[in-house]
Amino acid sequence: MPLGDPHGGNFIYTNEGLPKGIVAVSIPSRDIDRSIRFYTELLRMTLRSRDDETAVLSVGKDFIILSRNDSVGIDTGLYLSTESPFDLHRRLIDEGVIFVMDPKRTPLGLITSFKDDDGNIIHAIEIG
């Protein structure tokens, strides 16, 4: 009996209830104010809301949640889209951002990876 049908009928699943996309990703931050500056000033994301423990930023229709946490310095697995990883690399190098991978071709496409102020790794991939 399917979990969603307590009466034991023969329900045929199609696309109901399946994920349609990713709404947000959470990134740990020791200092919310410092992180807000990094993401809004350097990456030009928009601050949507904040309190003492969290901040919500948007980039396009997607959201990043900065959460107060002392366990920072992780590979977030976040891949931002950009028209040019080379231009992003040049821009952020000029701002003193530390890169862990210069732009290079991978099976996913052209990617670069850098650290935010907490040492969390963020990736940026070229969109065509």
N, C-alpha and C. Protein backbone atom coordinates (compact mmCIF):
# COMPACT_ATOMS: atom_id res chain seq x y z
N MET A 1 0.85 -1.18 0.00
CA MET A 1 0.00 0.00 0.00
C MET A 1 0.89 1.23 0.00
N PRO A 2 0.69 2.15 -0.96
CA PRO A 2 1.48 3.38 -0.98
C PRO A 2 1.23 4.20 0.28
N LEU A 3 2.28 4.82 0.78
CA LEU A 3 2.19 5.63 1.99
C LEU A 3 1.17 6.75 1.84
N GLY A 4 1.06 7.34 0.65
CA GLY A 4 0.14 8.45 0.43
C GLY A 4 -1.30 8.03 0.23
N ASP A 5 -1.59 6.76 0.23
CA ASP A 5 -2.96 6.28 0.01
C ASP A 5 -3.33 5.30 1.12
N PRO A 6 -3.87 5.81 2.25
CA PRO A 6 -4.17 4.95 3.40
C PRO A 6 -5.25 3.90 3.14
N HIS A 7 -6.00 4.05 2.06
CA HIS A 7 -7.08 3.10 1.79
C HIS A 7 -6.66 1.97 0.85
N GLY A 8 -5.38 1.99 0.42
CA GLY A 8 -4.86 0.87 -0.36
C GLY A 8 -5.29 0.85 -1.81
N GLY A 9 -5.69 1.99 -2.35
CA GLY A 9 -6.10 2.04 -3.76
C GLY A 9 -4.91 1.89 -4.68
N ASN A 10 -5.19 1.83 -5.95
CA ASN A 10 -4.15 1.66 -6.95
C ASN A 10 -3.81 3.02 -7.58
N PHE A 11 -3.16 3.83 -6.81
CA PHE A 11 -2.76 5.16 -7.28
C PHE A 11 -1.52 5.03 -8.14
N ILE A 12 -1.52 5.65 -9.29
CA ILE A 12 -0.37 5.61 -10.19
C ILE A 12 0.34 6.96 -10.09
N TYR A 13 1.60 6.91 -9.70
CA TYR A 13 2.38 8.13 -9.56
C TYR A 13 2.88 8.61 -10.90
N THR A 14 2.81 9.93 -11.09
CA THR A 14 3.43 10.55 -12.26
C THR A 14 4.48 11.52 -11.72
N ASN A 15 4.23 12.81 -11.74
CA ASN A 15 5.20 13.79 -11.26
C ASN A 15 4.75 14.50 -9.98
N GLU A 16 3.66 14.07 -9.40
CA GLU A 16 3.14 14.72 -8.21
C GLU A 16 4.13 14.61 -7.06
N GLY A 17 4.40 15.73 -6.42
CA GLY A 17 5.23 15.73 -5.23
C GLY A 17 6.73 15.69 -5.46
N LEU A 18 7.17 15.55 -6.71
CA LEU A 18 8.60 15.50 -6.98
C LEU A 18 9.20 16.91 -6.90
N PRO A 19 10.46 17.02 -6.50
CA PRO A 19 11.10 18.34 -6.45
C PRO A 19 11.10 19.01 -7.82
N LYS A 20 10.90 20.32 -7.84
CA LYS A 20 10.89 21.09 -9.08
C LYS A 20 12.12 21.98 -9.22
N GLY A 21 12.94 22.03 -8.19
CA GLY A 21 14.13 22.86 -8.24
C GLY A 21 14.73 22.99 -6.86
N ILE A 22 15.74 23.82 -6.77
CA ILE A 22 16.38 24.10 -5.50
C ILE A 22 16.03 25.52 -5.11
N VAL A 23 15.53 25.70 -3.91
CA VAL A 23 15.09 27.01 -3.46
C VAL A 23 16.22 27.77 -2.81
N ALA A 24 17.00 27.09 -1.96
CA ALA A 24 18.02 27.79 -1.19
C ALA A 24 19.13 26.83 -0.79
N VAL A 25 20.26 27.42 -0.45
CA VAL A 25 21.39 26.68 0.11
C VAL A 25 21.81 27.42 1.37
N SER A 26 22.24 26.69 2.38
CA SER A 26 22.66 27.30 3.64
C SER A 26 24.18 27.25 3.74
N ILE A 27 24.77 28.38 4.13
CA ILE A 27 26.22 28.50 4.27
C ILE A 27 26.53 28.95 5.69
N PRO A 28 27.44 28.26 6.39
CA PRO A 28 27.77 28.66 7.76
C PRO A 28 28.59 29.94 7.79
N SER A 29 28.38 30.73 8.86
CA SER A 29 29.09 31.99 9.01
C SER A 29 29.38 32.25 10.48
N ARG A 30 30.62 32.63 10.79
CA ARG A 30 30.94 33.02 12.17
C ARG A 30 30.43 34.43 12.47
N ASP A 31 30.44 35.29 11.48
CA ASP A 31 30.07 36.69 11.65
C ASP A 31 29.11 37.08 10.52
N ILE A 32 27.84 37.15 10.84
CA ILE A 32 26.80 37.42 9.84
C ILE A 32 27.05 38.75 9.13
N ASP A 33 27.40 39.79 9.88
CA ASP A 33 27.63 41.10 9.26
C ASP A 33 28.76 41.06 8.24
N ARG A 34 29.87 40.42 8.59
CA ARG A 34 31.00 40.32 7.67
C ARG A 34 30.60 39.52 6.43
N SER A 35 29.87 38.43 6.63
CA SER A 35 29.43 37.61 5.50
C SER A 35 28.47 38.38 4.59
N ILE A 36 27.58 39.14 5.18
CA ILE A 36 26.66 39.95 4.37
C ILE A 36 27.45 40.90 3.48
N ARG A 37 28.47 41.54 4.03
CA ARG A 37 29.29 42.45 3.22
C ARG A 37 29.95 41.70 2.06
N PHE A 38 30.51 40.52 2.33
CA PHE A 38 31.16 39.74 1.27
C PHE A 38 30.18 39.43 0.14
N TYR A 39 29.03 38.89 0.49
CA TYR A 39 28.09 38.44 -0.53
C TYR A 39 27.35 39.58 -1.22
N THR A 40 27.11 40.69 -0.51
CA THR A 40 26.40 41.80 -1.14
C THR A 40 27.35 42.75 -1.88
N GLU A 41 28.50 43.04 -1.29
CA GLU A 41 29.41 44.00 -1.93
C GLU A 41 30.25 43.37 -3.03
N LEU A 42 30.80 42.18 -2.80
CA LEU A 42 31.67 41.57 -3.80
C LEU A 42 30.90 40.77 -4.85
N LEU A 43 29.87 40.05 -4.42
CA LEU A 43 29.12 39.21 -5.36
C LEU A 43 27.81 39.85 -5.79
N ARG A 44 27.50 41.01 -5.24
CA ARG A 44 26.31 41.81 -5.60
C ARG A 44 24.99 41.07 -5.41
N MET A 45 24.92 40.24 -4.37
CA MET A 45 23.66 39.59 -4.03
C MET A 45 22.81 40.58 -3.25
N THR A 46 21.53 40.32 -3.16
CA THR A 46 20.59 41.22 -2.49
C THR A 46 20.23 40.67 -1.12
N LEU A 47 20.37 41.50 -0.10
CA LEU A 47 19.96 41.12 1.25
C LEU A 47 18.44 41.20 1.33
N ARG A 48 17.80 40.10 1.68
CA ARG A 48 16.33 40.05 1.78
C ARG A 48 15.84 40.19 3.22
N SER A 49 16.55 39.57 4.16
CA SER A 49 16.18 39.69 5.57
C SER A 49 17.36 39.25 6.42
N ARG A 50 17.31 39.59 7.69
CA ARG A 50 18.37 39.18 8.60
C ARG A 50 17.90 39.31 10.04
N ASP A 51 18.52 38.52 10.90
CA ASP A 51 18.39 38.68 12.34
C ASP A 51 19.76 38.36 12.91
N ASP A 52 19.87 38.11 14.20
CA ASP A 52 21.19 37.88 14.81
C ASP A 52 21.82 36.57 14.38
N GLU A 53 21.04 35.60 13.96
CA GLU A 53 21.54 34.27 13.66
C GLU A 53 21.55 33.91 12.17
N THR A 54 20.77 34.61 11.36
CA THR A 54 20.68 34.26 9.94
C THR A 54 20.51 35.51 9.08
N ALA A 55 20.85 35.35 7.82
CA ALA A 55 20.57 36.36 6.81
C ALA A 55 20.15 35.63 5.55
N VAL A 56 19.19 36.19 4.85
CA VAL A 56 18.73 35.60 3.60
C VAL A 56 19.11 36.55 2.48
N LEU A 57 19.84 36.00 1.51
CA LEU A 57 20.29 36.76 0.34
C LEU A 57 19.68 36.14 -0.89
N SER A 58 19.53 36.94 -1.92
CA SER A 58 19.05 36.37 -3.18
C SER A 58 20.01 36.70 -4.30
N VAL A 59 20.07 35.78 -5.24
CA VAL A 59 20.79 35.97 -6.48
C VAL A 59 19.83 35.44 -7.55
N GLY A 60 19.30 36.34 -8.35
CA GLY A 60 18.24 35.96 -9.28
C GLY A 60 17.03 35.50 -8.48
N LYS A 61 16.52 34.33 -8.81
CA LYS A 61 15.35 33.79 -8.10
C LYS A 61 15.74 32.80 -7.00
N ASP A 62 17.04 32.64 -6.79
CA ASP A 62 17.55 31.67 -5.82
C ASP A 62 18.00 32.37 -4.54
N PHE A 63 18.06 31.61 -3.45
CA PHE A 63 18.39 32.17 -2.15
C PHE A 63 19.58 31.48 -1.51
N ILE A 64 20.34 32.26 -0.76
CA ILE A 64 21.41 31.76 0.07
C ILE A 64 21.07 32.17 1.49
N ILE A 65 21.14 31.22 2.41
CA ILE A 65 20.87 31.49 3.82
C ILE A 65 22.20 31.42 4.56
N LEU A 66 22.63 32.54 5.13
CA LEU A 66 23.82 32.55 5.96
C LEU A 66 23.38 32.24 7.38
N SER A 67 23.92 31.18 7.95
CA SER A 67 23.51 30.74 9.28
C SER A 67 24.68 30.85 10.25
N ARG A 68 24.44 31.47 11.39
CA ARG A 68 25.47 31.61 12.42
C ARG A 68 25.92 30.23 12.87
N ASN A 69 27.24 29.96 12.71
CA ASN A 69 27.77 28.65 13.03
C ASN A 69 29.29 28.77 13.13
N ASP A 70 29.89 28.13 14.11
CA ASP A 70 31.34 28.15 14.24
C ASP A 70 32.03 27.11 13.38
N SER A 71 31.28 26.19 12.81
CA SER A 71 31.86 25.17 11.93
C SER A 71 31.87 25.69 10.50
N VAL A 72 32.88 26.48 10.19
CA VAL A 72 32.99 27.09 8.86
C VAL A 72 34.19 26.49 8.14
N GLY A 73 34.47 26.97 6.95
CA GLY A 73 35.61 26.47 6.19
C GLY A 73 35.29 25.18 5.46
N ILE A 74 34.07 25.07 4.96
CA ILE A 74 33.63 23.86 4.28
C ILE A 74 33.56 24.09 2.77
N ASP A 75 33.55 23.01 2.03
CA ASP A 75 33.21 23.10 0.61
C ASP A 75 31.69 23.07 0.56
N THR A 76 31.09 24.19 0.25
CA THR A 76 29.64 24.32 0.31
C THR A 76 28.92 23.48 -0.74
N GLY A 77 29.62 23.13 -1.81
CA GLY A 77 28.96 22.45 -2.92
C GLY A 77 28.10 23.40 -3.73
N LEU A 78 28.18 24.70 -3.43
CA LEU A 78 27.42 25.71 -4.15
C LEU A 78 28.14 26.07 -5.45
N TYR A 79 27.43 25.99 -6.55
CA TYR A 79 27.95 26.38 -7.86
C TYR A 79 27.11 27.54 -8.37
N LEU A 80 27.71 28.72 -8.37
CA LEU A 80 27.05 29.89 -8.91
C LEU A 80 27.23 29.90 -10.43
N SER A 81 26.27 30.44 -11.14
CA SER A 81 26.42 30.57 -12.58
C SER A 81 26.98 31.95 -12.90
N THR A 82 27.84 31.99 -13.90
CA THR A 82 28.42 33.25 -14.35
C THR A 82 28.67 33.17 -15.85
N GLU A 83 28.63 34.31 -16.52
CA GLU A 83 28.91 34.33 -17.94
C GLU A 83 30.39 34.09 -18.21
N SER A 84 31.25 34.49 -17.24
CA SER A 84 32.69 34.34 -17.46
C SER A 84 33.42 34.09 -16.15
N PRO A 85 33.82 32.85 -15.88
CA PRO A 85 34.65 32.59 -14.71
C PRO A 85 35.97 33.38 -14.73
N PHE A 86 36.48 33.68 -15.94
CA PHE A 86 37.70 34.47 -16.04
C PHE A 86 37.48 35.89 -15.52
N ASP A 87 36.37 36.51 -15.92
CA ASP A 87 36.07 37.87 -15.45
C ASP A 87 35.80 37.88 -13.95
N LEU A 88 35.06 36.89 -13.44
CA LEU A 88 34.80 36.80 -12.00
C LEU A 88 36.12 36.64 -11.26
N HIS A 89 36.98 35.77 -11.75
CA HIS A 89 38.30 35.54 -11.14
C HIS A 89 39.09 36.84 -11.07
N ARG A 90 39.17 37.56 -12.17
CA ARG A 90 39.93 38.81 -12.21
C ARG A 90 39.34 39.83 -11.23
N ARG A 91 38.03 39.95 -11.21
CA ARG A 91 37.36 40.91 -10.33
C ARG A 91 37.62 40.59 -8.86
N LEU A 92 37.46 39.31 -8.48
CA LEU A 92 37.62 38.95 -7.07
C LEU A 92 39.08 38.92 -6.64
N ILE A 93 40.00 38.58 -7.54
CA ILE A 93 41.43 38.66 -7.22
C ILE A 93 41.78 40.10 -6.86
N ASP A 94 41.24 41.06 -7.62
CA ASP A 94 41.49 42.48 -7.35
C ASP A 94 40.98 42.89 -5.97
N GLU A 95 40.00 42.15 -5.44
CA GLU A 95 39.43 42.44 -4.12
C GLU A 95 40.10 41.62 -3.01
N GLY A 96 41.11 40.84 -3.37
CA GLY A 96 41.84 40.07 -2.36
C GLY A 96 41.22 38.73 -1.99
N VAL A 97 40.26 38.27 -2.77
CA VAL A 97 39.63 36.98 -2.51
C VAL A 97 40.62 35.86 -2.84
N ILE A 98 40.62 34.83 -2.01
CA ILE A 98 41.52 33.69 -2.19
C ILE A 98 40.84 32.66 -3.08
N PHE A 99 41.55 32.24 -4.12
CA PHE A 99 41.03 31.23 -5.03
C PHE A 99 41.69 29.90 -4.73
N VAL A 100 40.90 28.84 -4.77
CA VAL A 100 41.43 27.49 -4.59
C VAL A 100 41.57 26.78 -5.93
N MET A 101 40.94 27.36 -6.96
CA MET A 101 41.10 26.83 -8.32
C MET A 101 40.91 27.97 -9.31
N ASP A 102 41.96 28.22 -10.07
CA ASP A 102 41.85 29.19 -11.16
C ASP A 102 40.89 28.62 -12.19
N PRO A 103 40.34 29.47 -13.06
CA PRO A 103 39.41 28.95 -14.08
C PRO A 103 40.06 27.82 -14.89
N LYS A 104 39.31 26.72 -15.00
CA LYS A 104 39.79 25.59 -15.80
C LYS A 104 38.62 24.80 -16.34
N ARG A 105 38.87 24.11 -17.43
CA ARG A 105 37.86 23.26 -18.05
C ARG A 105 37.74 21.95 -17.28
N THR A 106 36.50 21.57 -17.02
CA THR A 106 36.19 20.31 -16.35
C THR A 106 35.08 19.62 -17.15
N PRO A 107 34.70 18.41 -16.79
CA PRO A 107 33.57 17.77 -17.48
C PRO A 107 32.26 18.57 -17.37
N LEU A 108 32.14 19.40 -16.32
CA LEU A 108 30.94 20.23 -16.17
C LEU A 108 31.02 21.52 -16.96
N GLY A 109 32.21 21.89 -17.41
CA GLY A 109 32.41 23.16 -18.11
C GLY A 109 33.52 23.95 -17.45
N LEU A 110 33.59 25.23 -17.77
CA LEU A 110 34.62 26.11 -17.23
C LEU A 110 34.23 26.52 -15.80
N ILE A 111 35.10 26.21 -14.83
CA ILE A 111 34.80 26.43 -13.41
C ILE A 111 35.97 27.14 -12.74
N THR A 112 35.65 27.96 -11.75
CA THR A 112 36.63 28.53 -10.83
C THR A 112 36.08 28.37 -9.42
N SER A 113 36.95 28.34 -8.42
CA SER A 113 36.51 28.15 -7.03
C SER A 113 37.28 29.09 -6.13
N PHE A 114 36.56 29.69 -5.17
CA PHE A 114 37.15 30.67 -4.27
C PHE A 114 36.59 30.51 -2.87
N LYS A 115 37.22 31.21 -1.92
CA LYS A 115 36.78 31.16 -0.53
C LYS A 115 36.10 32.46 -0.13
N ASP A 116 35.03 32.33 0.66
CA ASP A 116 34.43 33.52 1.25
C ASP A 116 35.24 33.90 2.48
N ASP A 117 34.81 34.90 3.23
CA ASP A 117 35.57 35.38 4.39
C ASP A 117 35.68 34.36 5.52
N ASP A 118 34.83 33.34 5.52
CA ASP A 118 34.90 32.29 6.53
C ASP A 118 35.68 31.08 6.04
N GLY A 119 36.24 31.15 4.85
CA GLY A 119 36.98 30.03 4.30
C GLY A 119 36.12 28.98 3.64
N ASN A 120 34.81 29.26 3.49
CA ASN A 120 33.93 28.34 2.79
C ASN A 120 34.22 28.42 1.30
N ILE A 121 34.25 27.28 0.64
CA ILE A 121 34.54 27.25 -0.79
C ILE A 121 33.25 27.39 -1.60
N ILE A 122 33.28 28.34 -2.53
CA ILE A 122 32.18 28.60 -3.45
C ILE A 122 32.73 28.36 -4.86
N HIS A 123 31.94 27.74 -5.70
CA HIS A 123 32.34 27.47 -7.08
C HIS A 123 31.51 28.36 -8.01
N ALA A 124 32.08 28.69 -9.16
CA ALA A 124 31.34 29.44 -10.18
C ALA A 124 31.59 28.74 -11.51
N ILE A 125 30.50 28.51 -12.23
CA ILE A 125 30.58 27.76 -13.47
C ILE A 125 30.00 28.60 -14.60
N GLU A 126 30.61 28.49 -15.76
CA GLU A 126 30.19 29.25 -16.92
C GLU A 126 28.84 28.75 -17.43
N ILE A 127 27.95 29.71 -17.72
CA ILE A 127 26.68 29.36 -18.36
C ILE A 127 26.79 29.82 -19.81
N GLY A 128 26.17 29.08 -20.68
CA GLY A 128 26.35 29.34 -22.09
C GLY A 128 25.33 30.20 -22.66
